[in-house]
Amino acid sequence: MTITIERTDAAASARTEPTTPEPKPAAGSFQTVQPHLEVTAPLGERYDEILTPEALAFLARLHDRFAHTRHELLAVRLQTRVDAANGRDPKFLPETEWIRNDRTWRVAGAGPGLEDRRVEITGPTDRKMAINALNSGAKVWLADHEDATSPTWANVVEGQLSLFDFLRGELEYTSPEGREYRVTATETPTIVFRPRGWHLVEKHLRFHDRAGRAMHASGSLVDFGLYFFHNAKALIEGGRGPYFYLPKLESHREAKLWNDIFTFAEQEIGIPHGTIRATVLIETIQAAFQMEEILYELRDHCAGLNAGRWDYIFSIVKTFRSRGRRWVMPDRKSITMTVPFMRAYTELLVSTCHQRGAHAIGGMSAFIPNRRDPEVTERALAAVSADKRREAGDGFDGTWVAHPDLIPTARAEFDAVLGDRPNQVDRLREDVQVTAAQLLDIPSVGGEVTEAGVYDNVSICIRYIESWLRGTGAAAIDNLMEDAATAEISRSQVWQWLHDNTVTAEGTRIDQTSIVRIMAAAVADLPRFEGDRFDDAISVFRSVALEPEFPTFLTVGAYARFL
């Protein structure tokens, strides 16, 4: 089904099926067409309530204004990767030193409902998971359309419907088994919505620019635009606001693009400048060297930064994967938050945030409880407790958890430090002095690459991709919560070990032969079932971990081929 949407009368019904008008030439000396979006996928039940003519016209204006800048910045990313492969290390930028040296500027800070963020629960936006998150007792819900969501057409649109319905008091769900889910909490978490990163497209929406060229829509602009357009005013009326997590940024120029989008969007619907609040995930090594500049570019809209630990590790492996043995890291489980380069990263983040009046939000421990296995639960609670104790002690203002049962444990550690205070932004951490060398101190990690570590990476990655292909983007595997970021670590390490000819602790050289042997063992152990996607997952894994070329994100090709 193909539907073309142009700018329409704002009074048109939001529930009528979109029409297919003929694009009209825009005014001017050159023959151009009005920028518009084309829906190239079937409309499911109630999809027309999200993909309204007005909403699609808003998305078209966002693309008309900002899509070209997005493409330019993605090209800059490519050049940055080439520079890194050729031996040029990331650095603190000399041209923006004036921003770092000016101690007078501050960010906007917390908006209404974001003052206390001591425990945030993360998760996808399907109706069941949304209701569980909203009833969880967390201070914030990261409503995730990024790493915890497989971007199927149904997940993208129906996730927006979940948020739309909640903000209108209509969110409910009945499972296939007949179990009913309702939002029953008297105080629900503040929603912070995470759109997809700049590198991802939405292939079920096609943008036609003024020259008549057609291209896939930006996943970032689609996710942001639909959530903002439908819900910003309802959020404000409810005493909170349109808040966002911004993923995968690699530079302050990318932060400026988001700031320009926020300013434009606020003007479009008539709300005050600065109403939007953004929290930026520092989850690339490039962004770690530009934290202050990112805060500065977003200062009118910025609430804080988050230590996106798993993507950060992936970014380091990806950036330095071909730079030789010095950059080869050990088994995934050995790269903890206490290794020197991770300590430098988190200490710098807290100090940078608090110097500028921003919140510092900690990352997510991958351990999760198992209600059927008390011993697993006990280990998970102990690990999470230690992780959150360290974060609270270091000065973080809040943290992430992936499961409601972890909220009391995480909250206890932050309560012990914060007491009745909503945050500890006043703790400036002036003792912190982090150098570029410390951020890049990979050799000090130590540890070994073991055959068990290789097997775990292969097995986890294939099982996660299989789950993702079936539409589930957050999967419990071996008592850990795996998402796209942790899968990326696994496959990028396999690629690096293979292309570096790494030798395991047992004396086995990692080459195509040994990887194929390990894959065969992992595949033999897979829990096959009717309708599984393991064959496709194995194909994806081969393409992203075993080929000479290194795809920048495993989800890009898998999305194009299978979703």
Protein backbone atom coordinates (compact mmCIF):
# COMPACT_ATOMS: atom_id res chain seq x y z
CA MET A 1 0.00 0.00 0.00
CA THR A 2 1.47 3.37 -0.98
CA ILE A 3 0.18 6.59 0.48
CA THR A 4 1.55 10.03 -0.30
CA ILE A 5 1.03 12.75 2.27
CA GLU A 6 1.58 16.46 1.72
CA ARG A 7 0.94 19.45 3.91
CA THR A 8 -2.74 19.43 4.80
CA ASP A 9 -5.31 21.53 6.57
CA ALA A 10 -4.64 21.23 10.30
CA ALA A 11 -8.35 20.88 10.89
CA ALA A 12 -8.53 17.66 8.86
CA SER A 13 -9.62 14.60 10.77
CA ALA A 14 -6.77 12.71 12.46
CA ARG A 15 -8.62 9.42 12.06
CA THR A 16 -9.43 9.39 8.37
CA GLU A 17 -7.30 7.32 6.05
CA PRO A 18 -4.70 9.52 4.34
CA THR A 19 -5.38 10.40 0.72
CA THR A 20 -2.96 10.35 -2.20
CA PRO A 21 -2.78 13.88 -3.62
CA GLU A 22 -0.64 14.71 -6.61
CA PRO A 23 2.52 16.60 -5.45
CA LYS A 24 2.28 20.21 -6.58
CA PRO A 25 5.18 22.33 -7.81
CA ALA A 26 6.48 24.71 -5.17
CA ALA A 27 6.77 28.40 -5.94
CA GLY A 28 10.01 29.61 -7.48
CA SER A 29 11.94 29.86 -10.71
CA PHE A 30 12.76 26.13 -10.79
CA GLN A 31 10.27 23.32 -11.18
CA THR A 32 10.19 21.65 -7.77
CA VAL A 33 7.75 19.55 -5.79
CA GLN A 34 6.47 20.07 -2.30
CA PRO A 35 8.53 17.93 0.13
CA HIS A 36 6.40 15.06 1.34
CA LEU A 37 6.46 11.63 2.92
CA GLU A 38 5.21 8.44 1.35
CA VAL A 39 4.08 5.50 3.49
CA THR A 40 5.21 2.29 1.79
CA ALA A 41 3.96 -0.29 4.27
CA PRO A 42 0.52 -1.59 5.24
CA LEU A 43 -1.43 0.33 7.86
CA GLY A 44 -2.35 -1.86 10.81
CA GLU A 45 -5.15 -1.26 13.26
CA ARG A 46 -5.15 2.35 14.52
CA TYR A 47 -1.96 3.23 12.61
CA ASP A 48 -3.87 6.15 11.09
CA GLU A 49 -4.05 7.70 14.57
CA ILE A 50 -0.25 8.07 14.56
CA LEU A 51 0.38 8.50 10.83
CA THR A 52 -2.06 11.36 10.49
CA PRO A 53 -1.78 13.84 7.60
CA GLU A 54 -0.70 16.52 10.07
CA ALA A 55 1.96 14.33 11.71
CA LEU A 56 3.39 13.26 8.37
CA ALA A 57 3.45 16.85 7.17
CA PHE A 58 5.41 17.73 10.32
CA LEU A 59 7.87 14.90 9.58
CA ALA A 60 8.21 16.21 6.02
CA ARG A 61 9.11 19.66 7.31
CA LEU A 62 11.70 18.15 9.66
CA HIS A 63 13.28 16.25 6.78
CA ASP A 64 13.13 19.24 4.44
CA ARG A 65 14.95 21.36 7.00
CA PHE A 66 17.44 18.91 8.52
CA ALA A 67 17.95 15.76 6.40
CA HIS A 68 20.82 17.26 4.41
CA THR A 69 22.73 18.15 7.59
CA ARG A 70 22.25 14.62 8.85
CA HIS A 71 23.80 13.25 5.66
CA GLU A 72 26.73 15.66 5.93
CA LEU A 73 27.43 14.61 9.51
CA LEU A 74 27.26 10.92 8.65
CA ALA A 75 29.93 11.61 6.01
CA VAL A 76 32.05 13.25 8.70
CA ARG A 77 31.71 10.09 10.79
CA LEU A 78 33.08 8.07 7.89
CA GLN A 79 36.12 10.33 7.61
CA THR A 80 36.66 10.12 11.37
CA ARG A 81 36.70 6.32 11.15
CA VAL A 82 39.24 6.45 8.31
CA ASP A 83 41.43 8.81 10.34
CA ALA A 84 41.31 6.51 13.36
CA ALA A 85 42.20 3.47 11.25
CA ASN A 86 45.18 5.41 9.92
CA GLY A 87 46.50 6.10 13.40
CA ARG A 88 44.95 9.44 14.31
CA ASP A 89 43.69 9.27 17.90
CA PRO A 90 40.66 11.17 19.18
CA LYS A 91 41.63 14.31 21.09
CA PHE A 92 40.27 17.29 22.96
CA LEU A 93 39.57 19.79 20.18
CA PRO A 94 41.84 22.86 20.13
CA GLU A 95 39.27 24.88 18.16
CA THR A 96 36.69 24.57 20.96
CA GLU A 97 39.07 25.14 23.86
CA TRP A 98 37.32 28.44 24.53
CA ILE A 99 34.14 26.56 25.42
CA ARG A 100 36.00 24.40 27.94
CA ASN A 101 37.85 27.38 29.40
CA ASP A 102 34.76 29.55 29.89
CA ARG A 103 33.54 28.58 33.35
CA THR A 104 30.46 30.83 33.29
CA TRP A 105 27.98 28.95 31.13
CA ARG A 106 25.50 26.38 32.43
CA VAL A 107 22.92 24.10 30.87
CA ALA A 108 19.18 24.48 31.36
CA GLY A 109 19.12 21.53 33.76
CA ALA A 110 16.22 19.40 34.91
CA GLY A 111 12.74 20.11 33.63
CA PRO A 112 9.60 19.42 35.69
CA GLY A 113 9.62 15.80 36.79
CA LEU A 114 13.34 15.31 36.13
CA GLU A 115 14.76 16.77 39.33
CA ASP A 116 15.13 13.32 40.94
CA ARG A 117 16.37 10.59 38.62
CA ARG A 118 17.96 8.24 41.12
CA VAL A 119 16.58 5.10 39.44
CA GLU A 120 15.56 4.89 35.81
CA ILE A 121 14.11 1.76 34.23
CA THR A 122 14.86 1.10 30.57
CA GLY A 123 12.83 -0.90 28.11
CA PRO A 124 10.88 -1.10 24.87
CA THR A 125 7.49 0.48 24.30
CA ASP A 126 5.25 -2.49 23.50
CA ARG A 127 2.09 -2.33 25.60
CA LYS A 128 3.00 -5.00 28.15
CA MET A 129 6.53 -3.70 28.77
CA ALA A 130 5.28 -0.12 28.87
CA ILE A 131 2.73 -0.94 31.56
CA ASN A 132 5.32 -2.86 33.60
CA ALA A 133 7.71 0.09 33.42
CA LEU A 134 5.03 2.60 34.36
CA ASN A 135 4.04 0.49 37.39
CA SER A 136 7.65 -0.19 38.41
CA GLY A 137 8.20 2.58 40.96
CA ALA A 138 11.19 4.01 39.10
CA LYS A 139 11.63 7.77 38.92
CA VAL A 140 12.12 7.73 35.14
CA TRP A 141 11.20 5.37 32.32
CA LEU A 142 13.52 5.39 29.34
CA ALA A 143 10.96 4.53 26.66
CA ASP A 144 13.31 3.00 24.16
CA HIS A 145 12.99 2.93 20.38
CA GLU A 146 16.69 2.32 20.01
CA ASP A 147 18.90 -0.53 21.30
CA ALA A 148 16.15 -2.30 23.27
CA THR A 149 13.69 -2.25 20.36
CA SER A 150 13.81 -4.21 17.15
CA PRO A 151 12.63 -1.59 14.61
CA THR A 152 9.94 -3.64 12.90
CA TRP A 153 7.20 -1.54 11.36
CA ALA A 154 4.81 -2.82 14.02
CA ASN A 155 7.17 -1.96 16.89
CA VAL A 156 7.81 1.54 15.54
CA VAL A 157 4.16 2.52 15.12
CA GLU A 158 2.58 0.48 17.91
CA GLY A 159 5.20 1.73 20.36
CA GLN A 160 4.05 5.25 19.54
CA LEU A 161 0.46 4.10 20.14
CA SER A 162 1.44 2.82 23.60
CA LEU A 163 2.78 6.23 24.57
CA PHE A 164 -0.12 8.03 22.91
CA ASP A 165 -2.65 5.95 24.84
CA PHE A 166 -0.89 6.27 28.20
CA LEU A 167 -0.85 10.04 28.01
CA ARG A 168 -4.60 9.95 27.41
CA GLY A 169 -5.36 7.46 30.17
CA GLU A 170 -6.17 4.63 27.75
CA LEU A 171 -3.20 2.24 27.96
CA GLU A 172 -4.17 -1.36 28.68
CA TYR A 173 -3.21 -4.81 27.43
CA THR A 174 -4.64 -8.33 27.50
CA SER A 175 -2.16 -11.12 26.82
CA PRO A 176 -2.96 -14.11 24.57
CA GLU A 177 -3.38 -16.11 27.79
CA GLY A 178 -6.04 -13.68 28.98
CA ARG A 179 -3.98 -11.85 31.60
CA GLU A 180 -4.92 -8.18 31.86
CA TYR A 181 -2.40 -5.38 32.36
CA ARG A 182 -3.32 -1.88 33.54
CA VAL A 183 -1.41 1.15 34.77
CA THR A 184 -2.18 1.14 38.49
CA ALA A 185 0.65 3.21 39.98
CA THR A 186 -0.45 6.40 41.70
CA GLU A 187 2.82 8.04 40.63
CA THR A 188 4.26 6.95 37.31
CA PRO A 189 7.83 7.55 36.12
CA THR A 190 8.70 10.59 34.05
CA ILE A 191 9.03 9.43 30.44
CA VAL A 192 12.28 10.10 28.59
CA PHE A 193 11.92 8.84 25.03
CA ARG A 194 14.92 7.51 23.09
CA PRO A 195 14.69 7.72 19.28
CA ARG A 196 16.90 5.77 16.94
CA GLY A 197 20.42 7.02 16.20
CA TRP A 198 21.40 9.17 13.24
CA HIS A 199 22.76 6.20 11.29
CA LEU A 200 19.42 4.38 11.07
CA VAL A 201 16.66 4.84 8.52
CA GLU A 202 12.95 4.11 8.49
CA LYS A 203 12.50 2.20 5.25
CA HIS A 204 8.70 2.11 5.51
CA LEU A 205 8.54 5.88 5.09
CA ARG A 206 10.02 7.54 2.02
CA PHE A 207 10.91 11.23 1.91
CA HIS A 208 10.61 13.09 -1.39
CA ASP A 209 12.66 16.30 -1.39
CA ARG A 210 12.10 19.48 -3.39
CA ALA A 211 14.00 18.09 -6.38
CA GLY A 212 11.76 15.03 -6.43
CA ARG A 213 14.47 12.70 -5.15
CA ALA A 214 13.22 9.87 -2.94
CA MET A 215 15.07 8.41 0.04
CA HIS A 216 14.35 6.45 3.18
CA ALA A 217 13.26 8.64 6.06
CA SER A 218 15.57 9.17 9.03
CA GLY A 219 14.74 6.85 11.93
CA SER A 220 15.76 9.62 14.34
CA LEU A 221 13.45 12.22 12.84
CA VAL A 222 10.55 9.78 12.51
CA ASP A 223 10.76 8.59 16.12
CA PHE A 224 11.31 12.05 17.56
CA GLY A 225 8.79 13.75 15.30
CA LEU A 226 5.88 11.37 15.92
CA TYR A 227 6.36 11.32 19.70
CA PHE A 228 6.82 15.08 19.95
CA PHE A 229 4.01 16.04 17.57
CA HIS A 230 1.38 13.90 19.25
CA ASN A 231 2.41 14.21 22.88
CA ALA A 232 4.37 17.38 23.70
CA LYS A 233 1.36 19.43 24.79
CA ALA A 234 -0.21 16.52 26.69
CA LEU A 235 3.08 16.00 28.55
CA ILE A 236 3.25 19.69 29.48
CA GLU A 237 -0.37 19.69 30.64
CA GLY A 238 0.48 16.69 32.85
CA GLY A 239 3.18 18.69 34.63
CA ARG A 240 6.17 17.23 32.82
CA GLY A 241 7.43 17.76 29.31
CA PRO A 242 8.83 16.32 26.07
CA TYR A 243 12.09 14.74 27.18
CA PHE A 244 14.56 12.74 25.10
CA TYR A 245 17.63 10.56 25.35
CA LEU A 246 19.96 11.16 22.40
CA PRO A 247 21.96 8.07 21.36
CA LYS A 248 25.20 7.40 19.49
CA LEU A 249 26.37 11.03 19.12
CA GLU A 250 29.94 11.34 17.91
CA SER A 251 30.45 15.11 17.95
CA HIS A 252 29.21 18.44 19.20
CA ARG A 253 28.08 19.22 15.66
CA GLU A 254 25.62 16.33 15.92
CA ALA A 255 24.43 17.80 19.22
CA LYS A 256 23.92 21.16 17.53
CA LEU A 257 21.77 19.47 14.90
CA TRP A 258 19.51 18.10 17.63
CA ASN A 259 19.38 21.51 19.29
CA ASP A 260 18.32 23.12 16.01
CA ILE A 261 15.64 20.45 15.59
CA PHE A 262 14.33 21.08 19.10
CA THR A 263 14.14 24.85 18.50
CA PHE A 264 12.32 24.33 15.20
CA ALA A 265 9.89 21.81 16.70
CA GLU A 266 9.04 24.09 19.63
CA GLN A 267 8.28 26.94 17.22
CA GLU A 268 6.19 24.67 15.00
CA ILE A 269 3.70 23.76 17.72
CA GLY A 270 3.95 26.98 19.72
CA ILE A 271 5.62 26.05 23.00
CA PRO A 272 8.35 28.09 24.73
CA HIS A 273 11.96 27.74 23.67
CA GLY A 274 13.76 25.40 26.04
CA THR A 275 10.72 23.30 26.94
CA ILE A 276 12.36 20.18 25.50
CA ARG A 277 15.01 18.56 27.69
CA ALA A 278 17.61 16.15 26.35
CA THR A 279 20.00 13.77 28.05
CA VAL A 280 22.88 12.74 25.81
CA LEU A 281 24.34 9.26 25.97
CA ILE A 282 28.11 9.44 25.92
CA GLU A 283 28.62 6.08 24.29
CA THR A 284 31.32 6.74 21.71
CA ILE A 285 34.99 7.43 22.29
CA GLN A 286 34.70 10.47 20.02
CA ALA A 287 31.96 12.00 22.18
CA ALA A 288 33.98 11.37 25.34
CA PHE A 289 36.46 13.99 24.12
CA GLN A 290 33.66 16.50 23.42
CA MET A 291 31.43 16.27 26.49
CA GLU A 292 31.61 19.96 27.32
CA GLU A 293 31.05 21.00 23.72
CA ILE A 294 28.01 18.71 23.49
CA LEU A 295 26.57 20.25 26.64
CA TYR A 296 27.28 23.72 25.28
CA GLU A 297 25.56 23.17 21.94
CA LEU A 298 22.48 21.79 23.73
CA ARG A 299 22.65 24.11 26.72
CA ASP A 300 19.15 25.61 26.30
CA HIS A 301 17.66 22.11 26.11
CA CYS A 302 20.05 19.95 28.09
CA ALA A 303 19.34 18.06 31.30
CA GLY A 304 22.44 15.87 31.51
CA LEU A 305 24.69 13.13 30.19
CA ASN A 306 24.51 9.37 30.58
CA ALA A 307 27.38 6.89 30.73
CA GLY A 308 26.28 4.45 28.02
CA ARG A 309 28.85 1.87 28.99
CA TRP A 310 28.14 -0.98 26.56
CA ASP A 311 28.06 1.10 23.40
CA TYR A 312 31.14 2.91 24.69
CA ILE A 313 33.09 -0.35 24.84
CA PHE A 314 31.78 -1.26 21.38
CA SER A 315 32.89 2.14 20.09
CA ILE A 316 36.43 1.59 21.31
CA VAL A 317 36.68 -1.86 19.75
CA LYS A 318 35.22 -0.51 16.50
CA THR A 319 37.43 2.58 16.39
CA PHE A 320 40.72 0.81 17.05
CA ARG A 321 39.91 -2.65 15.69
CA SER A 322 42.63 -2.59 13.01
CA ARG A 323 45.33 -0.76 14.95
CA GLY A 324 47.28 -3.78 16.17
CA ARG A 325 47.70 -5.89 19.27
CA ARG A 326 47.92 -2.96 21.67
CA TRP A 327 44.21 -2.32 21.09
CA VAL A 328 43.00 -5.91 21.41
CA MET A 329 40.82 -6.36 24.48
CA PRO A 330 40.24 -9.57 26.45
CA ASP A 331 37.05 -11.57 27.00
CA ARG A 332 33.98 -9.35 27.20
CA LYS A 333 33.34 -10.21 30.84
CA SER A 334 36.81 -8.89 31.76
CA ILE A 335 36.01 -5.34 30.61
CA THR A 336 34.44 -4.06 33.79
CA MET A 337 33.57 -0.57 34.96
CA THR A 338 36.65 -0.55 37.20
CA VAL A 339 39.30 -0.95 34.49
CA PRO A 340 41.33 2.28 34.16
CA PHE A 341 39.97 3.59 30.85
CA MET A 342 36.36 3.08 32.00
CA ARG A 343 37.08 4.77 35.33
CA ALA A 344 38.57 7.74 33.48
CA TYR A 345 35.49 7.99 31.25
CA THR A 346 32.95 7.92 34.08
CA GLU A 347 34.92 10.24 36.35
CA LEU A 348 35.24 12.78 33.54
CA LEU A 349 31.52 12.53 32.81
CA VAL A 350 30.46 13.26 36.39
CA SER A 351 32.89 16.14 36.74
CA THR A 352 31.90 17.67 33.40
CA CYS A 353 28.19 17.44 34.15
CA HIS A 354 28.31 18.93 37.60
CA GLN A 355 30.58 21.80 36.57
CA ARG A 356 27.85 22.78 34.10
CA GLY A 357 24.74 22.13 36.21
CA ALA A 358 23.83 18.92 34.40
CA HIS A 359 22.78 15.55 35.79
CA ALA A 360 25.16 12.61 35.44
CA ILE A 361 23.26 9.36 34.95
CA GLY A 362 24.96 6.01 35.37
CA GLY A 363 24.73 3.02 33.07
CA MET A 364 23.05 -0.34 33.19
CA SER A 365 24.49 -3.41 34.84
CA ALA A 366 23.70 -6.35 32.59
CA PHE A 367 22.87 -8.71 35.47
CA ILE A 368 19.18 -9.54 35.88
CA PRO A 369 17.30 -11.60 38.47
CA ASN A 370 15.61 -14.91 37.75
CA ARG A 371 12.44 -15.42 39.76
CA ARG A 372 12.73 -19.18 39.27
CA ASP A 373 16.34 -19.38 40.47
CA PRO A 374 17.10 -17.77 43.87
CA GLU A 375 20.84 -18.34 43.50
CA VAL A 376 20.97 -16.46 40.19
CA THR A 377 18.89 -13.68 41.71
CA GLU A 378 21.18 -13.42 44.72
CA ARG A 379 24.25 -13.06 42.48
CA ALA A 380 22.50 -10.48 40.31
CA LEU A 381 21.41 -8.37 43.28
CA ALA A 382 24.92 -8.45 44.73
CA ALA A 383 26.47 -7.40 41.43
CA VAL A 384 23.95 -4.62 40.87
CA SER A 385 24.35 -3.39 44.43
CA ALA A 386 28.12 -3.09 44.04
CA ASP A 387 27.75 -1.35 40.67
CA LYS A 388 25.26 1.22 41.94
CA ARG A 389 27.20 1.79 45.17
CA ARG A 390 30.23 2.73 43.09
CA GLU A 391 28.19 5.08 40.88
CA ALA A 392 26.50 6.85 43.79
CA GLY A 393 29.84 7.20 45.55
CA ASP A 394 31.44 8.66 42.42
CA GLY A 395 28.83 11.40 42.21
CA PHE A 396 26.27 10.10 39.73
CA ASP A 397 22.77 11.50 40.24
CA GLY A 398 20.95 8.40 39.08
CA THR A 399 21.32 5.09 37.33
CA TRP A 400 19.68 2.58 35.00
CA VAL A 401 18.17 -0.82 35.66
CA ALA A 402 16.65 -3.24 33.16
CA HIS A 403 14.25 -5.11 35.45
CA PRO A 404 11.67 -3.91 38.02
CA ASP A 405 13.04 -6.30 40.67
CA LEU A 406 16.35 -4.39 40.61
CA ILE A 407 14.81 -1.03 41.50
CA PRO A 408 14.85 -1.46 45.32
CA THR A 409 18.50 -2.54 45.25
CA ALA A 410 19.59 0.37 43.08
CA ARG A 411 17.47 2.87 45.00
CA ALA A 412 18.93 1.74 48.32
CA GLU A 413 22.45 2.56 47.15
CA PHE A 414 21.47 6.01 45.91
CA ASP A 415 19.30 6.71 48.95
CA ALA A 416 22.32 6.00 51.14
CA VAL A 417 24.23 8.80 49.42
CA LEU A 418 21.49 11.25 48.45
CA GLY A 419 19.17 10.95 51.42
CA ASP A 420 16.33 13.41 50.85
CA ARG A 421 18.24 15.40 48.23
CA PRO A 422 16.99 14.90 44.66
CA ASN A 423 20.52 14.79 43.23
CA GLN A 424 24.14 15.67 43.97
CA VAL A 425 24.82 18.15 41.17
CA ASP A 426 26.44 20.41 43.75
CA ARG A 427 29.25 17.86 44.14
CA LEU A 428 31.60 19.33 41.56
CA ARG A 429 34.34 16.68 41.63
CA GLU A 430 37.06 19.30 41.20
CA ASP A 431 39.56 16.60 42.14
CA VAL A 432 39.07 14.96 38.74
CA GLN A 433 41.71 15.61 36.10
CA VAL A 434 41.42 13.20 33.17
CA THR A 435 43.88 13.18 30.28
CA ALA A 436 43.56 11.91 26.74
CA ALA A 437 46.06 9.20 27.55
CA GLN A 438 43.87 7.93 30.38
CA LEU A 439 40.81 7.74 28.14
CA LEU A 440 42.85 5.72 25.64
CA ASP A 441 44.63 3.48 28.13
CA ILE A 442 43.39 0.21 26.65
CA PRO A 443 46.51 -1.92 27.36
CA SER A 444 46.01 -1.62 31.12
CA VAL A 445 42.84 -3.71 30.91
CA GLY A 446 44.92 -6.89 30.95
CA GLY A 447 43.11 -10.21 30.93
CA GLU A 448 43.05 -12.97 28.37
CA VAL A 449 41.13 -14.09 25.35
CA THR A 450 39.87 -17.59 26.08
CA GLU A 451 38.08 -20.19 23.98
CA ALA A 452 35.16 -19.90 26.38
CA GLY A 453 35.10 -16.15 25.79
CA VAL A 454 35.03 -16.62 22.02
CA TYR A 455 32.29 -19.23 22.33
CA ASP A 456 30.22 -16.92 24.57
CA ASN A 457 30.51 -14.04 22.11
CA VAL A 458 29.48 -16.20 19.15
CA SER A 459 26.60 -17.85 20.99
CA ILE A 460 25.26 -14.68 22.60
CA CYS A 461 25.43 -12.71 19.38
CA ILE A 462 23.62 -15.33 17.29
CA ARG A 463 20.92 -15.79 19.93
CA TYR A 464 20.43 -12.06 20.30
CA ILE A 465 20.22 -11.45 16.55
CA GLU A 466 17.64 -14.25 16.30
CA SER A 467 15.55 -12.55 18.98
CA TRP A 468 15.94 -9.18 17.24
CA LEU A 469 14.83 -10.63 13.91
CA ARG A 470 11.65 -11.88 15.61
CA GLY A 471 10.96 -8.39 16.88
CA THR A 472 12.37 -8.56 20.43
CA GLY A 473 15.21 -6.09 21.00
CA ALA A 474 15.95 -6.78 24.68
CA ALA A 475 16.60 -10.44 25.44
CA ALA A 476 17.53 -12.28 28.63
CA ILE A 477 20.41 -14.61 27.68
CA ASP A 478 22.41 -16.59 30.26
CA ASN A 479 21.00 -14.40 33.06
CA LEU A 480 22.20 -11.19 31.41
CA MET A 481 20.11 -8.58 29.62
CA GLU A 482 21.41 -8.37 26.09
CA ASP A 483 20.53 -5.61 23.67
CA ALA A 484 21.98 -4.33 20.42
CA ALA A 485 24.91 -2.70 22.22
CA THR A 486 26.08 -5.83 24.02
CA ALA A 487 25.66 -7.87 20.83
CA GLU A 488 27.81 -5.30 19.04
CA ILE A 489 30.61 -5.82 21.56
CA SER A 490 30.44 -9.56 21.01
CA ARG A 491 30.59 -9.51 17.21
CA SER A 492 33.18 -6.70 17.00
CA GLN A 493 35.49 -8.56 19.38
CA VAL A 494 35.20 -11.70 17.26
CA TRP A 495 36.06 -9.63 14.15
CA GLN A 496 39.04 -8.03 15.90
CA TRP A 497 40.39 -11.28 17.31
CA LEU A 498 40.04 -12.96 13.92
CA HIS A 499 41.77 -10.22 11.95
CA ASP A 500 44.52 -9.77 14.52
CA ASN A 501 45.31 -13.51 14.57
CA THR A 502 44.86 -13.46 18.33
CA VAL A 503 45.96 -16.58 20.21
CA THR A 504 43.72 -17.75 23.04
CA ALA A 505 44.95 -18.56 26.51
CA GLU A 506 44.67 -22.22 25.54
CA GLY A 507 47.04 -21.69 22.62
CA THR A 508 44.52 -21.73 19.77
CA ARG A 509 44.99 -19.19 16.99
CA ILE A 510 41.72 -17.46 16.17
CA ASP A 511 41.25 -17.86 12.44
CA GLN A 512 38.44 -18.82 10.09
CA THR A 513 38.90 -22.51 10.90
CA SER A 514 38.70 -22.08 14.67
CA ILE A 515 35.77 -19.67 14.45
CA VAL A 516 33.83 -22.04 12.19
CA ARG A 517 34.51 -24.84 14.68
CA ILE A 518 33.28 -22.70 17.57
CA MET A 519 30.26 -21.59 15.55
CA ALA A 520 29.38 -25.21 14.85
CA ALA A 521 29.49 -26.00 18.56
CA ALA A 522 27.41 -22.91 19.42
CA VAL A 523 24.86 -23.67 16.72
CA ALA A 524 24.57 -27.27 17.91
CA ASP A 525 23.58 -25.93 21.33
CA LEU A 526 20.92 -23.54 20.01
CA PRO A 527 17.37 -24.08 21.32
CA ARG A 528 15.66 -24.54 17.94
CA PHE A 529 11.89 -24.13 17.73
CA GLU A 530 9.20 -23.71 15.11
CA GLY A 531 9.39 -20.29 13.51
CA ASP A 532 12.85 -19.48 14.83
CA ARG A 533 15.16 -17.18 12.86
CA PHE A 534 18.46 -18.84 13.68
CA ASP A 535 19.38 -19.51 10.05
CA ASP A 536 18.99 -15.83 9.26
CA ALA A 537 20.83 -14.90 12.47
CA ILE A 538 23.78 -17.08 11.51
CA SER A 539 23.86 -15.40 8.10
CA VAL A 540 23.88 -11.96 9.74
CA PHE A 541 26.60 -12.99 12.17
CA ARG A 542 28.83 -14.25 9.37
CA SER A 543 28.43 -10.99 7.48
CA VAL A 544 29.22 -8.72 10.45
CA ALA A 545 31.92 -10.76 12.22
CA LEU A 546 33.72 -12.93 9.68
CA GLU A 547 33.95 -10.86 6.50
CA PRO A 548 36.97 -8.64 5.69
CA GLU A 549 34.84 -5.49 5.72
CA PHE A 550 33.58 -4.34 9.11
CA PRO A 551 29.99 -3.02 9.02
CA THR A 552 29.73 -0.06 11.36
CA PHE A 553 26.52 -1.41 12.93
CA LEU A 554 25.17 -4.95 12.66
CA THR A 555 21.59 -3.64 12.71
CA VAL A 556 21.94 -1.63 9.49
CA GLY A 557 22.34 -4.55 7.12
CA ALA A 558 20.05 -6.84 9.11
CA TYR A 559 17.30 -4.21 9.01
CA ALA A 560 17.67 -3.73 5.27
CA ARG A 561 17.58 -7.48 4.57
CA PHE A 562 15.11 -8.87 7.06
CA LEU A 563 12.85 -6.26 8.68
